[in-house]
PDB file of N, CA and C in Angstrom:
ATOM      1  N   MET A   1      -8.371 -25.107 -22.284  1.00  0.00           N
ATOM      2  CA  MET A   1      -7.716 -24.430 -23.362  1.00  0.00           C
ATOM      3  C   MET A   1      -6.662 -23.482 -22.424  1.00  0.00           C
ATOM      4  N   SER A   2      -5.356 -23.772 -22.692  1.00  0.00           N
ATOM      5  CA  SER A   2      -4.411 -22.575 -22.148  1.00  0.00           C
ATOM      6  C   SER A   2      -4.581 -21.141 -22.509  1.00  0.00           C
ATOM      7  N   PRO A   3      -4.369 -20.294 -21.705  1.00  0.00           N
ATOM      8  CA  PRO A   3      -4.340 -18.897 -22.181  1.00  0.00           C
ATOM      9  C   PRO A   3      -3.490 -18.539 -23.427  1.00  0.00           C
ATOM     10  N   MET A   4      -2.452 -19.172 -23.599  1.00  0.00           N
ATOM     11  CA  MET A   4      -1.330 -18.954 -24.519  1.00  0.00           C
ATOM     12  C   MET A   4      -2.199 -19.396 -25.912  1.00  0.00           C
ATOM     13  N   ALA A   5      -3.083 -20.441 -25.948  1.00  0.00           N
ATOM     14  CA  ALA A   5      -3.551 -20.994 -27.132  1.00  0.00           C
ATOM     15  C   ALA A   5      -4.389 -19.741 -27.837  1.00  0.00           C
ATOM     16  N   LYS A   6      -5.202 -19.294 -26.680  1.00  0.00           N
ATOM     17  CA  LYS A   6      -6.220 -18.223 -27.026  1.00  0.00           C
ATOM     18  C   LYS A   6      -5.549 -16.928 -27.612  1.00  0.00           C
ATOM     19  N   LEU A   7      -4.374 -16.714 -27.083  1.00  0.00           N
ATOM     20  CA  LEU A   7      -3.544 -15.456 -27.546  1.00  0.00           C
ATOM     21  C   LEU A   7      -3.166 -15.779 -29.012  1.00  0.00           C
ATOM     22  N   LYS A   8      -2.918 -16.970 -29.442  1.00  0.00           N
ATOM     23  CA  LYS A   8      -2.403 -17.130 -30.792  1.00  0.00           C
ATOM     24  C   LYS A   8      -3.658 -16.787 -31.636  1.00  0.00           C
ATOM     25  N   THR A   9      -4.832 -17.087 -31.401  1.00  0.00           N
ATOM     26  CA  THR A   9      -5.887 -16.945 -32.294  1.00  0.00           C
ATOM     27  C   THR A   9      -6.193 -15.300 -32.286  1.00  0.00           C
ATOM     28  N   GLY A  10      -5.902 -14.559 -31.162  1.00  0.00           N
ATOM     29  CA  GLY A  10      -6.116 -13.217 -31.027  1.00  0.00           C
ATOM     30  C   GLY A  10      -7.646 -13.022 -30.568  1.00  0.00           C
ATOM     31  N   ARG A  11      -8.412 -13.974 -30.176  1.00  0.00           N
ATOM     32  CA  ARG A  11      -9.660 -13.895 -29.663  1.00  0.00           C
ATOM     33  C   ARG A  11      -9.505 -13.733 -27.769  1.00  0.00           C
ATOM     34  N   HIS A  12     -10.362 -13.072 -27.420  1.00  0.00           N
ATOM     35  CA  HIS A  12     -10.477 -13.107 -25.896  1.00  0.00           C
ATOM     36  C   HIS A  12      -9.193 -12.389 -25.063  1.00  0.00           C
ATOM     37  N   THR A  13      -8.307 -11.739 -25.726  1.00  0.00           N
ATOM     38  CA  THR A  13      -7.183 -11.393 -25.086  1.00  0.00           C
ATOM     39  C   THR A  13      -7.414 -10.385 -24.096  1.00  0.00           C
ATOM     40  N   SER A  14      -8.196  -9.448 -24.197  1.00  0.00           N
ATOM     41  CA  SER A  14      -8.591  -8.424 -23.206  1.00  0.00           C
ATOM     42  C   SER A  14      -9.387  -9.243 -22.053  1.00  0.00           C
ATOM     43  N   ALA A  15     -10.047 -10.143 -22.323  1.00  0.00           N
ATOM     44  CA  ALA A  15     -10.698 -11.040 -21.329  1.00  0.00           C
ATOM     45  C   ALA A  15      -9.619 -11.506 -20.301  1.00  0.00           C
ATOM     46  N   ILE A  16      -8.696 -12.053 -21.040  1.00  0.00           N
ATOM     47  CA  ILE A  16      -7.703 -12.838 -20.269  1.00  0.00           C
ATOM     48  C   ILE A  16      -6.774 -12.021 -19.564  1.00  0.00           C
ATOM     49  N   LYS A  17      -6.526 -10.850 -19.775  1.00  0.00           N
ATOM     50  CA  LYS A  17      -5.707  -9.792 -19.239  1.00  0.00           C
ATOM     51  C   LYS A  17      -6.508  -9.331 -18.193  1.00  0.00           C
ATOM     52  N   ALA A  18      -7.692  -9.218 -18.174  1.00  0.00           N
ATOM     53  CA  ALA A  18      -8.570  -8.545 -17.251  1.00  0.00           C
ATOM     54  C   ALA A  18      -8.635  -9.635 -15.966  1.00  0.00           C
ATOM     55  N   ALA A  19      -8.738 -10.735 -16.380  1.00  0.00           N
ATOM     56  CA  ALA A  19      -8.780 -11.766 -15.365  1.00  0.00           C
ATOM     57  C   ALA A  19      -7.365 -11.811 -14.605  1.00  0.00           C
ATOM     58  N   ARG A  20      -6.405 -11.734 -15.208  1.00  0.00           N
ATOM     59  CA  ARG A  20      -5.151 -11.650 -14.664  1.00  0.00           C
ATOM     60  C   ARG A  20      -4.887 -10.554 -13.602  1.00  0.00           C
ATOM     61  N   GLN A  21      -5.302  -9.239 -14.308  1.00  0.00           N
ATOM     62  CA  GLN A  21      -5.532  -8.094 -13.323  1.00  0.00           C
ATOM     63  C   GLN A  21      -6.296  -8.224 -12.159  1.00  0.00           C
ATOM     64  N   ALA A  22      -7.195  -9.031 -12.536  1.00  0.00           N
ATOM     65  CA  ALA A  22      -8.209  -9.121 -11.112  1.00  0.00           C
ATOM     66  C   ALA A  22      -7.760 -10.156 -10.059  1.00  0.00           C
ATOM     67  N   GLU A  23      -7.136 -10.958 -10.638  1.00  0.00           N
ATOM     68  CA  GLU A  23      -6.446 -12.016  -9.566  1.00  0.00           C
ATOM     69  C   GLU A  23      -5.503 -11.334  -8.705  1.00  0.00           C
ATOM     70  N   LYS A  24      -4.406 -10.409  -9.528  1.00  0.00           N
ATOM     71  CA  LYS A  24      -3.361  -9.742  -8.901  1.00  0.00           C
ATOM     72  C   LYS A  24      -4.060  -8.807  -7.830  1.00  0.00           C
ATOM     73  N   ARG A  25      -5.121  -7.974  -8.072  1.00  0.00           N
ATOM     74  CA  ARG A  25      -5.835  -7.205  -7.294  1.00  0.00           C
ATOM     75  C   ARG A  25      -6.407  -7.736  -5.980  1.00  0.00           C
ATOM     76  N   GLN A  26      -7.065  -9.010  -6.234  1.00  0.00           N
ATOM     77  CA  GLN A  26      -7.788  -9.670  -5.246  1.00  0.00           C
ATOM     78  C   GLN A  26      -6.803 -10.153  -4.048  1.00  0.00           C
ATOM     79  N   ILE A  27      -5.531 -10.519  -4.561  1.00  0.00           N
ATOM     80  CA  ILE A  27      -4.569 -10.920  -3.525  1.00  0.00           C
ATOM     81  C   ILE A  27      -4.098  -9.674  -2.763  1.00  0.00           C
ATOM     82  N   ARG A  28      -3.840  -8.518  -3.530  1.00  0.00           N
ATOM     83  CA  ARG A  28      -3.498  -7.433  -2.974  1.00  0.00           C
ATOM     84  C   ARG A  28      -4.520  -6.831  -1.792  1.00  0.00           C
ATOM     85  N   ASN A  29      -5.729  -6.740  -2.275  1.00  0.00           N
ATOM     86  CA  ASN A  29      -6.952  -6.393  -1.556  1.00  0.00           C
ATOM     87  C   ASN A  29      -7.086  -7.024  -0.207  1.00  0.00           C
ATOM     88  N   ARG A  30      -6.837  -8.379  -0.411  1.00  0.00           N
ATOM     89  CA  ARG A  30      -6.968  -9.380   0.722  1.00  0.00           C
ATOM     90  C   ARG A  30      -6.124  -9.092   1.695  1.00  0.00           C
ATOM     91  N   ALA A  31      -4.753  -8.762   1.242  1.00  0.00           N
ATOM     92  CA  ALA A  31      -3.697  -8.527   2.161  1.00  0.00           C
ATOM     93  C   ALA A  31      -3.826  -7.116   2.790  1.00  0.00           C
ATOM     94  N   LEU A  32      -4.379  -6.348   2.133  1.00  0.00           N
ATOM     95  CA  LEU A  32      -4.440  -5.005   2.784  1.00  0.00           C
ATOM     96  C   LEU A  32      -5.451  -4.986   3.719  1.00  0.00           C
ATOM     97  N   LYS A  33      -6.788  -5.598   3.509  1.00  0.00           N
ATOM     98  CA  LYS A  33      -7.826  -5.846   4.405  1.00  0.00           C
ATOM     99  C   LYS A  33      -7.456  -6.438   5.582  1.00  0.00           C
ATOM    100  N   LYS A  34      -6.704  -7.560   5.465  1.00  0.00           N
ATOM    101  CA  LYS A  34      -6.254  -8.443   6.680  1.00  0.00           C
ATOM    102  C   LYS A  34      -5.358  -7.677   7.496  1.00  0.00           C
ATOM    103  N   ALA A  35      -4.397  -6.974   6.901  1.00  0.00           N
ATOM    104  CA  ALA A  35      -3.549  -6.147   7.688  1.00  0.00           C
ATOM    105  C   ALA A  35      -4.225  -5.156   8.543  1.00  0.00           C
ATOM    106  N   SER A  36      -5.164  -4.476   7.875  1.00  0.00           N
ATOM    107  CA  SER A  36      -6.067  -3.361   8.629  1.00  0.00           C
ATOM    108  C   SER A  36      -6.593  -3.972   9.807  1.00  0.00           C
ATOM    109  N   ARG A  37      -7.258  -5.144   9.584  1.00  0.00           N
ATOM    110  CA  ARG A  37      -8.044  -5.760  10.659  1.00  0.00           C
ATOM    111  C   ARG A  37      -7.333  -6.360  11.598  1.00  0.00           C
ATOM    112  N   GLU A  38      -6.109  -6.733  11.316  1.00  0.00           N
ATOM    113  CA  GLU A  38      -5.311  -7.291  12.554  1.00  0.00           C
ATOM    114  C   GLU A  38      -4.553  -6.324  13.338  1.00  0.00           C
ATOM    115  N   THR A  39      -4.225  -5.136  12.584  1.00  0.00           N
ATOM    116  CA  THR A  39      -3.674  -3.926  13.294  1.00  0.00           C
ATOM    117  C   THR A  39      -4.845  -3.404  14.406  1.00  0.00           C
ATOM    118  N   ALA A  40      -5.939  -3.395  14.012  1.00  0.00           N
ATOM    119  CA  ALA A  40      -7.104  -2.784  14.825  1.00  0.00           C
ATOM    120  C   ALA A  40      -7.246  -3.759  15.978  1.00  0.00           C
ATOM    121  N   LYS A  41      -7.080  -5.067  15.783  1.00  0.00           N
ATOM    122  CA  LYS A  41      -7.216  -6.030  16.802  1.00  0.00           C
ATOM    123  C   LYS A  41      -5.984  -5.834  17.988  1.00  0.00           C
ATOM    124  N   VAL A  42      -4.820  -5.364  17.438  1.00  0.00           N
ATOM    125  CA  VAL A  42      -3.697  -5.259  18.416  1.00  0.00           C
ATOM    126  C   VAL A  42      -4.034  -3.962  19.150  1.00  0.00           C
ATOM    127  N   VAL A  43      -4.823  -2.990  18.612  1.00  0.00           N
ATOM    128  CA  VAL A  43      -5.030  -1.806  19.349  1.00  0.00           C
ATOM    129  C   VAL A  43      -6.206  -2.197  20.588  1.00  0.00           C
ATOM    130  N   LEU A  44      -7.104  -2.915  20.027  1.00  0.00           N
ATOM    131  CA  LEU A  44      -8.314  -3.279  20.833  1.00  0.00           C
ATOM    132  C   LEU A  44      -7.673  -4.369  22.131  1.00  0.00           C
ATOM    133  N   ALA A  45      -6.682  -5.073  21.735  1.00  0.00           N
ATOM    134  CA  ALA A  45      -6.005  -5.768  22.766  1.00  0.00           C
ATOM    135  C   ALA A  45      -5.416  -5.149  23.603  1.00  0.00           C
ATOM    136  N   ALA A  46      -4.646  -4.197  23.193  1.00  0.00           N
ATOM    137  CA  ALA A  46      -3.902  -3.182  24.278  1.00  0.00           C
ATOM    138  C   ALA A  46      -4.914  -2.478  25.151  1.00  0.00           C
ATOM    139  N   ILE A  47      -6.026  -1.971  24.568  1.00  0.00           N
ATOM    140  CA  ILE A  47      -7.025  -1.465  25.407  1.00  0.00           C
ATOM    141  C   ILE A  47      -7.493  -2.397  26.394  1.00  0.00           C
ATOM    142  N   GLU A  48      -7.841  -3.377  25.860  1.00  0.00           N
ATOM    143  CA  GLU A  48      -8.316  -4.543  27.069  1.00  0.00           C
ATOM    144  C   GLU A  48      -7.407  -4.774  28.304  1.00  0.00           C
ATOM    145  N   LYS A  49      -6.073  -4.727  27.875  1.00  0.00           N
ATOM    146  CA  LYS A  49      -4.961  -4.873  28.859  1.00  0.00           C
ATOM    147  C   LYS A  49      -4.811  -3.627  29.476  1.00  0.00           C
ATOM    148  N   LYS A  50      -5.557  -2.606  29.101  1.00  0.00           N
ATOM    149  CA  LYS A  50      -5.452  -1.284  29.746  1.00  0.00           C
ATOM    150  C   LYS A  50      -3.970  -0.734  29.713  1.00  0.00           C
ATOM    151  N   ASP A  51      -3.200  -1.019  28.485  1.00  0.00           N
ATOM    152  CA  ASP A  51      -1.988  -0.700  28.189  1.00  0.00           C
ATOM    153  C   ASP A  51      -2.060   0.763  27.296  1.00  0.00           C
ATOM    154  N   SER A  52      -1.782   1.726  28.077  1.00  0.00           N
ATOM    155  CA  SER A  52      -2.019   3.083  27.188  1.00  0.00           C
ATOM    156  C   SER A  52      -0.879   3.423  26.301  1.00  0.00           C
ATOM    157  N   ALA A  53       0.168   2.858  26.728  1.00  0.00           N
ATOM    158  CA  ALA A  53       1.507   3.212  25.628  1.00  0.00           C
ATOM    159  C   ALA A  53       1.264   2.413  24.634  1.00  0.00           C
ATOM    160  N   GLY A  54       1.170   1.091  24.855  1.00  0.00           N
ATOM    161  CA  GLY A  54       1.011  -0.009  23.799  1.00  0.00           C
ATOM    162  C   GLY A  54      -0.095   0.260  22.928  1.00  0.00           C
ATOM    163  N   ALA A  55      -1.354   0.973  23.337  1.00  0.00           N
ATOM    164  CA  ALA A  55      -2.502   1.151  22.463  1.00  0.00           C
ATOM    165  C   ALA A  55      -2.147   2.327  21.555  1.00  0.00           C
ATOM    166  N   GLN A  56      -1.295   3.452  22.220  1.00  0.00           N
ATOM    167  CA  GLN A  56      -1.102   4.464  21.436  1.00  0.00           C
ATOM    168  C   GLN A  56      -0.041   4.438  20.050  1.00  0.00           C
ATOM    169  N   LYS A  57       0.746   3.555  20.424  1.00  0.00           N
ATOM    170  CA  LYS A  57       1.626   2.963  19.689  1.00  0.00           C
ATOM    171  C   LYS A  57       1.211   2.099  18.396  1.00  0.00           C
ATOM    172  N   SER A  58       0.368   1.241  18.971  1.00  0.00           N
ATOM    173  CA  SER A  58      -0.271   0.271  17.750  1.00  0.00           C
ATOM    174  C   SER A  58      -1.450   1.151  17.220  1.00  0.00           C
ATOM    175  N   LEU A  59      -2.031   2.224  17.652  1.00  0.00           N
ATOM    176  CA  LEU A  59      -3.018   3.024  16.952  1.00  0.00           C
ATOM    177  C   LEU A  59      -2.271   3.621  15.704  1.00  0.00           C
ATOM    178  N   LYS A  60      -1.125   4.065  15.889  1.00  0.00           N
ATOM    179  CA  LYS A  60      -0.477   4.713  14.691  1.00  0.00           C
ATOM    180  C   LYS A  60      -0.412   3.663  13.563  1.00  0.00           C
ATOM    181  N   SER A  61       0.032   2.432  13.911  1.00  0.00           N
ATOM    182  CA  SER A  61       0.344   1.412  12.671  1.00  0.00           C
ATOM    183  C   SER A  61      -1.170   1.127  12.216  1.00  0.00           C
ATOM    184  N   ALA A  62      -2.088   0.861  13.241  1.00  0.00           N
ATOM    185  CA  ALA A  62      -3.466   0.808  12.534  1.00  0.00           C
ATOM    186  C   ALA A  62      -4.015   1.761  11.729  1.00  0.00           C
ATOM    187  N   GLU A  63      -4.050   3.089  12.129  1.00  0.00           N
ATOM    188  CA  GLU A  63      -4.092   4.246  11.091  1.00  0.00           C
ATOM    189  C   GLU A  63      -3.421   4.318   9.987  1.00  0.00           C
ATOM    190  N   SER A  64      -2.227   3.655   9.721  1.00  0.00           N
ATOM    191  CA  SER A  64      -1.240   3.607   8.558  1.00  0.00           C
ATOM    192  C   SER A  64      -1.943   2.496   7.878  1.00  0.00           C
ATOM    193  N   ALA A  65      -2.224   1.545   8.383  1.00  0.00           N
ATOM    194  CA  ALA A  65      -2.958   0.299   7.614  1.00  0.00           C
ATOM    195  C   ALA A  65      -4.318   0.704   7.020  1.00  0.00           C
ATOM    196  N   LEU A  66      -5.048   1.387   7.675  1.00  0.00           N
ATOM    197  CA  LEU A  66      -6.181   1.821   7.240  1.00  0.00           C
ATOM    198  C   LEU A  66      -6.202   2.781   6.018  1.00  0.00           C
ATOM    199  N   ASP A  67      -5.236   3.545   6.270  1.00  0.00           N
ATOM    200  CA  ASP A  67      -4.849   4.599   5.299  1.00  0.00           C
ATOM    201  C   ASP A  67      -4.448   4.033   3.930  1.00  0.00           C
ATOM    202  N   LYS A  68      -3.617   2.952   4.101  1.00  0.00           N
ATOM    203  CA  LYS A  68      -3.051   2.507   3.013  1.00  0.00           C
ATOM    204  C   LYS A  68      -4.042   1.485   2.176  1.00  0.00           C
ATOM    205  N   ALA A  69      -5.117   0.851   2.821  1.00  0.00           N
ATOM    206  CA  ALA A  69      -6.039   0.146   2.282  1.00  0.00           C
ATOM    207  C   ALA A  69      -6.830   1.282   1.422  1.00  0.00           C
ATOM    208  N   ARG A  70      -7.329   2.463   2.052  1.00  0.00           N
ATOM    209  CA  ARG A  70      -7.957   3.228   1.521  1.00  0.00           C
ATOM    210  C   ARG A  70      -7.314   3.792   0.227  1.00  0.00           C
ATOM    211  N   LYS A  71      -6.188   4.214   0.539  1.00  0.00           N
ATOM    212  CA  LYS A  71      -5.317   4.747  -0.766  1.00  0.00           C
ATOM    213  C   LYS A  71      -5.542   3.770  -2.013  1.00  0.00           C
ATOM    214  N   LYS A  72      -5.486   2.640  -1.791  1.00  0.00           N
ATOM    215  CA  LYS A  72      -5.692   1.626  -2.847  1.00  0.00           C
ATOM    216  C   LYS A  72      -7.045   1.553  -3.433  1.00  0.00           C
ATOM    217  N   GLY A  73      -7.989   1.974  -2.671  1.00  0.00           N
ATOM    218  CA  GLY A  73      -9.437   1.775  -3.043  1.00  0.00           C
ATOM    219  C   GLY A  73      -9.962   0.426  -2.475  1.00  0.00           C
ATOM    220  N   VAL A  74      -9.323  -0.213  -1.425  1.00  0.00           N
ATOM    221  CA  VAL A  74      -9.920  -1.499  -1.080  1.00  0.00           C
ATOM    222  C   VAL A  74     -11.195  -1.027  -0.002  1.00  0.00           C
ATOM    223  N   VAL A  75     -10.886  -0.153   0.912  1.00  0.00           N
ATOM    224  CA  VAL A  75     -11.880   0.277   1.627  1.00  0.00           C
ATOM    225  C   VAL A  75     -12.480   1.734   1.351  1.00  0.00           C
ATOM    226  N   HIS A  76     -13.738   2.003   1.525  1.00  0.00           N
ATOM    227  CA  HIS A  76     -14.338   3.258   1.400  1.00  0.00           C
ATOM    228  C   HIS A  76     -13.710   4.182   2.405  1.00  0.00           C
ATOM    229  N   TRP A  77     -13.544   5.404   1.766  1.00  0.00           N
ATOM    230  CA  TRP A  77     -12.714   6.472   2.721  1.00  0.00           C
ATOM    231  C   TRP A  77     -13.675   6.767   4.018  1.00  0.00           C
ATOM    232  N   LYS A  78     -14.950   6.645   3.821  1.00  0.00           N
ATOM    233  CA  LYS A  78     -15.726   6.888   5.070  1.00  0.00           C
ATOM    234  C   LYS A  78     -15.761   5.834   6.163  1.00  0.00           C
ATOM    235  N   THR A  79     -15.394   4.547   5.588  1.00  0.00           N
ATOM    236  CA  THR A  79     -15.068   3.491   6.512  1.00  0.00           C
ATOM    237  C   THR A  79     -14.009   3.663   7.120  1.00  0.00           C
ATOM    238  N   THR A  80     -12.923   4.127   6.437  1.00  0.00           N
ATOM    239  CA  THR A  80     -11.574   4.406   7.216  1.00  0.00           C
ATOM    240  C   THR A  80     -11.556   5.339   8.213  1.00  0.00           C
ATOM    241  N   ALA A  81     -12.348   6.484   7.846  1.00  0.00           N
ATOM    242  CA  ALA A  81     -12.400   7.649   8.933  1.00  0.00           C
ATOM    243  C   ALA A  81     -13.345   7.073  10.117  1.00  0.00           C
ATOM    244  N   ARG A  82     -14.297   6.360   9.780  1.00  0.00           N
ATOM    245  CA  ARG A  82     -15.161   5.891  10.988  1.00  0.00           C
ATOM    246  C   ARG A  82     -14.255   4.913  11.829  1.00  0.00           C
ATOM    247  N   ARG A  83     -13.552   3.917  11.314  1.00  0.00           N
ATOM    248  CA  ARG A  83     -12.838   2.989  12.152  1.00  0.00           C
ATOM    249  C   ARG A  83     -11.636   3.902  13.015  1.00  0.00           C
ATOM    250  N   LYS A  84     -11.054   4.750  12.198  1.00  0.00           N
ATOM    251  CA  LYS A  84      -9.909   5.414  12.929  1.00  0.00           C
ATOM    252  C   LYS A  84     -10.384   6.450  13.918  1.00  0.00           C
ATOM    253  N   SER A  85     -11.769   6.833  13.787  1.00  0.00           N
ATOM    254  CA  SER A  85     -12.174   7.716  14.838  1.00  0.00           C
ATOM    255  C   SER A  85     -12.559   6.836  15.933  1.00  0.00           C
ATOM    256  N   ARG A  86     -13.113   5.717  15.864  1.00  0.00           N
ATOM    257  CA  ARG A  86     -13.663   4.605  16.921  1.00  0.00           C
ATOM    258  C   ARG A  86     -12.539   4.272  17.631  1.00  0.00           C
ATOM    259  N   LEU A  87     -11.227   3.945  17.027  1.00  0.00           N
ATOM    260  CA  LEU A  87     -10.206   3.391  17.700  1.00  0.00           C
ATOM    261  C   LEU A  87      -9.435   4.540  18.684  1.00  0.00           C
ATOM    262  N   ALA A  88      -9.522   5.757  17.845  1.00  0.00           N
ATOM    263  CA  ALA A  88      -8.712   7.016  18.547  1.00  0.00           C
ATOM    264  C   ALA A  88      -9.757   7.233  19.776  1.00  0.00           C
ATOM    265  N   THR A  89     -10.884   7.324  19.685  1.00  0.00           N
ATOM    266  CA  THR A  89     -11.804   7.651  20.704  1.00  0.00           C
ATOM    267  C   THR A  89     -11.572   6.553  21.913  1.00  0.00           C
ATOM    268  N   ARG A  90     -11.431   5.211  21.667  1.00  0.00           N
ATOM    269  CA  ARG A  90     -11.312   4.413  22.733  1.00  0.00           C
ATOM    270  C   ARG A  90      -9.854   4.454  23.320  1.00  0.00           C
ATOM    271  N   VAL A  91      -8.843   4.754  22.587  1.00  0.00           N
ATOM    272  CA  VAL A  91      -7.577   5.025  23.114  1.00  0.00           C
ATOM    273  C   VAL A  91      -7.746   6.253  23.954  1.00  0.00           C
ATOM    274  N   ALA A  92      -8.291   7.332  23.387  1.00  0.00           N
ATOM    275  CA  ALA A  92      -8.396   8.645  24.286  1.00  0.00           C
ATOM    276  C   ALA A  92      -9.132   8.569  25.634  1.00  0.00           C
ATOM    277  N   LYS A  93     -10.170   7.686  25.698  1.00  0.00           N
ATOM    278  CA  LYS A  93     -10.638   7.234  26.965  1.00  0.00           C
ATOM    279  C   LYS A  93      -9.791   6.667  27.807  1.00  0.00           C
ATOM    280  N   LEU A  94      -8.953   5.587  27.294  1.00  0.00           N
ATOM    281  CA  LEU A  94      -8.123   4.982  28.113  1.00  0.00           C
ATOM    282  C   LEU A  94      -6.766   5.797  28.740  1.00  0.00           C
ATOM    283  N   THR A  95      -6.428   6.744  28.025  1.00  0.00           N
ATOM    284  CA  THR A  95      -5.274   7.617  28.406  1.00  0.00           C
ATOM    285  C   THR A  95      -5.646   8.716  29.417  1.00  0.00           C
ATOM    286  N   ALA A  96      -7.218   9.012  29.035  1.00  0.00           N
ATOM    287  CA  ALA A  96      -7.807   9.918  30.164  1.00  0.00           C
ATOM    288  C   ALA A  96      -7.891   9.400  31.630  1.00  0.00           C
ATOM    289  N   LYS A  97      -8.016   8.290  31.901  1.00  0.00           N
ATOM    290  CA  LYS A  97      -8.210   7.540  33.079  1.00  0.00           C
ATOM    291  C   LYS A  97      -6.997   7.824  34.038  1.00  0.00           C
TER     292      LYS A  97
END
């Protein structure tokens, strides 16, 4: 049965809307999580290559992506803080050498 048929009878309209919202959120959440993971990988790749300037530059974008995910409630704030801290520590170790 199509969603429009249910809307005519007035039944389950809130459930249909909730399903639509959940689907939109799922797409957004997946994109934000993926972006934060990928930017963190770029930082780690720069650290592996011992590219100090590249690591510092990509660290900023990784922190931004993590903060955006946190702001939308995709990731817990402590998870964001932990990941940012670990990345920053590794970049700092690289630049200290």
